[in-house]
Amino acid sequence: MIDNADFIAELKYRTTEQGGRRTPANSGYRPQLKFDFTEMQTSGHQFFIGTDSVMPGETVLAQIGMNSTRFYENKLEIGMEFEFLEGATIIGIGQITEIINKSLEKKKAST
C-alpha cells in the first residue's frame, strides 16, 4: 500500500470510442477527480493494484491519493461514485470500495 493512499476504488476506464483515452494509463497516473456533491475537482494519484498499466475500456482496482483532502473530510462513503477526467473530458468512472483515510469518511447519523 502506498503511504498517502486515501481510498481504494474500482476504476472503469472508458473506451476510446466512448471518449476515453487513446493510450494506456500507467500506475501513478494523476487525473482530476470529480464527486457529485461539489463542483470542485482535485488531483488524484492512481496506483493500480496487480498491474502496471490499464488499456482504454478496462477496469482496475487502484489506491487513490488525493490532493486537498481537507475539502473532502466527512464526505466520502463506500459505494460512492466519482468521475475521473483529463481537462473537461471524462475518461472513466470510479467507485469507492474502501476508505483508508478515516477523516474522509462520512459520519453515520446517530439515532
Protein backbone atom coordinates (compact mmCIF):
# COMPACT_ATOMS: atom_id res chain seq x y z
CA MET A 1 0.00 0.00 0.00
CA ILE A 2 1.25 3.48 -0.78
CA ASP A 3 1.88 5.82 2.15
CA ASN A 4 -0.54 8.53 1.06
CA ALA A 5 -3.49 6.40 -0.12
CA ASP A 6 -6.85 7.90 0.88
CA PHE A 7 -9.13 5.21 -0.53
CA ILE A 8 -9.33 2.19 -2.83
CA ALA A 9 -11.65 2.28 -5.83
CA GLU A 10 -12.70 0.21 -8.80
CA LEU A 11 -11.90 2.30 -11.88
CA LYS A 12 -13.73 1.72 -15.16
CA TYR A 13 -11.86 3.39 -17.99
CA ARG A 14 -13.98 4.48 -20.95
CA THR A 15 -13.09 3.12 -24.37
CA THR A 16 -11.62 5.49 -26.93
CA GLU A 17 -14.98 5.35 -28.77
CA GLN A 18 -16.77 6.45 -25.57
CA GLY A 19 -14.48 9.49 -25.35
CA GLY A 20 -11.82 7.92 -23.14
CA ARG A 21 -8.07 7.79 -23.55
CA ARG A 22 -6.42 6.65 -26.76
CA THR A 23 -3.40 5.18 -24.94
CA PRO A 24 -2.92 3.09 -21.79
CA ALA A 25 -2.71 4.73 -18.36
CA ASN A 26 0.25 3.76 -16.20
CA SER A 27 0.21 3.26 -12.44
CA GLY A 28 0.93 6.65 -10.86
CA TYR A 29 -1.34 8.42 -13.36
CA ARG A 30 -2.90 11.58 -11.90
CA PRO A 31 -6.21 12.70 -13.47
CA GLN A 32 -8.70 15.08 -11.86
CA LEU A 33 -11.40 13.61 -9.59
CA LYS A 34 -14.96 14.96 -9.53
CA PHE A 35 -17.59 13.96 -6.96
CA ASP A 36 -21.30 14.78 -7.37
CA PHE A 37 -21.53 16.71 -4.08
CA THR A 38 -19.20 19.54 -5.21
CA GLU A 39 -18.12 21.39 -8.35
CA MET A 40 -14.55 21.40 -7.06
CA GLN A 41 -12.10 18.93 -8.56
CA THR A 42 -8.86 17.61 -7.11
CA SER A 43 -5.90 15.72 -8.47
CA GLY A 44 -5.86 12.03 -7.55
CA HIS A 45 -2.87 9.73 -7.95
CA GLN A 46 -3.99 6.29 -9.15
CA PHE A 47 -1.74 3.43 -8.07
CA PHE A 48 -3.02 0.27 -9.74
CA ILE A 49 -3.32 -2.97 -7.77
CA GLY A 50 -1.97 -6.03 -9.58
CA THR A 51 -0.95 -4.31 -12.83
CA ASP A 52 1.29 -1.53 -14.09
CA SER A 53 -1.00 -0.21 -16.84
CA VAL A 54 -4.64 -0.14 -17.95
CA MET A 55 -5.94 -0.02 -21.51
CA PRO A 56 -8.98 2.08 -22.53
CA GLY A 57 -12.12 0.05 -21.76
CA GLU A 58 -10.53 -1.93 -18.91
CA THR A 59 -11.43 -1.99 -15.21
CA VAL A 60 -8.84 -1.99 -12.41
CA LEU A 61 -8.60 -1.65 -8.64
CA ALA A 62 -6.43 1.24 -7.52
CA GLN A 63 -5.28 3.03 -4.43
CA ILE A 64 -6.09 6.73 -4.75
CA GLY A 65 -4.11 9.50 -3.08
CA MET A 66 -5.88 12.87 -3.31
CA ASN A 67 -4.56 16.40 -3.09
CA SER A 68 -6.59 18.86 -0.97
CA THR A 69 -8.13 16.21 1.28
CA ARG A 70 -9.38 18.82 3.76
CA PHE A 71 -12.16 19.78 1.32
CA TYR A 72 -13.42 16.18 1.37
CA GLU A 73 -13.39 15.47 5.11
CA ASN A 74 -16.52 13.64 6.36
CA LYS A 75 -17.92 13.43 2.79
CA LEU A 76 -16.88 10.09 1.26
CA GLU A 77 -18.54 6.70 1.71
CA ILE A 78 -18.10 3.17 0.40
CA GLY A 79 -20.04 2.70 -2.83
CA MET A 80 -19.83 6.40 -3.77
CA GLU A 81 -19.09 7.01 -7.45
CA PHE A 82 -16.89 9.71 -8.96
CA GLU A 83 -15.65 10.73 -12.38
CA PHE A 84 -12.00 11.00 -13.34
CA LEU A 85 -11.09 13.47 -16.02
CA GLU A 86 -8.39 14.85 -18.29
CA GLY A 87 -9.32 18.51 -18.54
CA ALA A 88 -13.06 18.60 -19.33
CA THR A 89 -13.07 15.04 -20.74
CA ILE A 90 -14.48 12.27 -18.54
CA ILE A 91 -12.21 9.29 -19.13
CA GLY A 92 -13.75 6.96 -16.56
CA ILE A 93 -15.94 6.33 -13.54
CA GLY A 94 -14.71 5.12 -10.17
CA GLN A 95 -16.49 3.58 -7.21
CA ILE A 96 -15.04 3.65 -3.69
CA THR A 97 -14.57 0.15 -2.24
CA GLU A 98 -12.58 1.02 0.91
CA ILE A 99 -11.76 4.25 2.76
CA ILE A 100 -8.24 4.27 4.21
CA ASN A 101 -8.07 7.92 5.39
CA LYS A 102 -10.82 7.83 8.05
CA SER A 103 -11.03 11.65 8.21
CA LEU A 104 -12.67 11.50 4.76
CA GLU A 105 -15.34 9.01 5.82
CA LYS A 106 -18.87 10.37 6.08
CA LYS A 107 -20.12 10.18 9.64
CA LYS A 108 -23.14 7.98 10.22
CA ALA A 109 -26.16 9.83 11.62
CA SER A 110 -26.74 8.90 15.24
CA THR A 111 -30.20 7.76 16.27
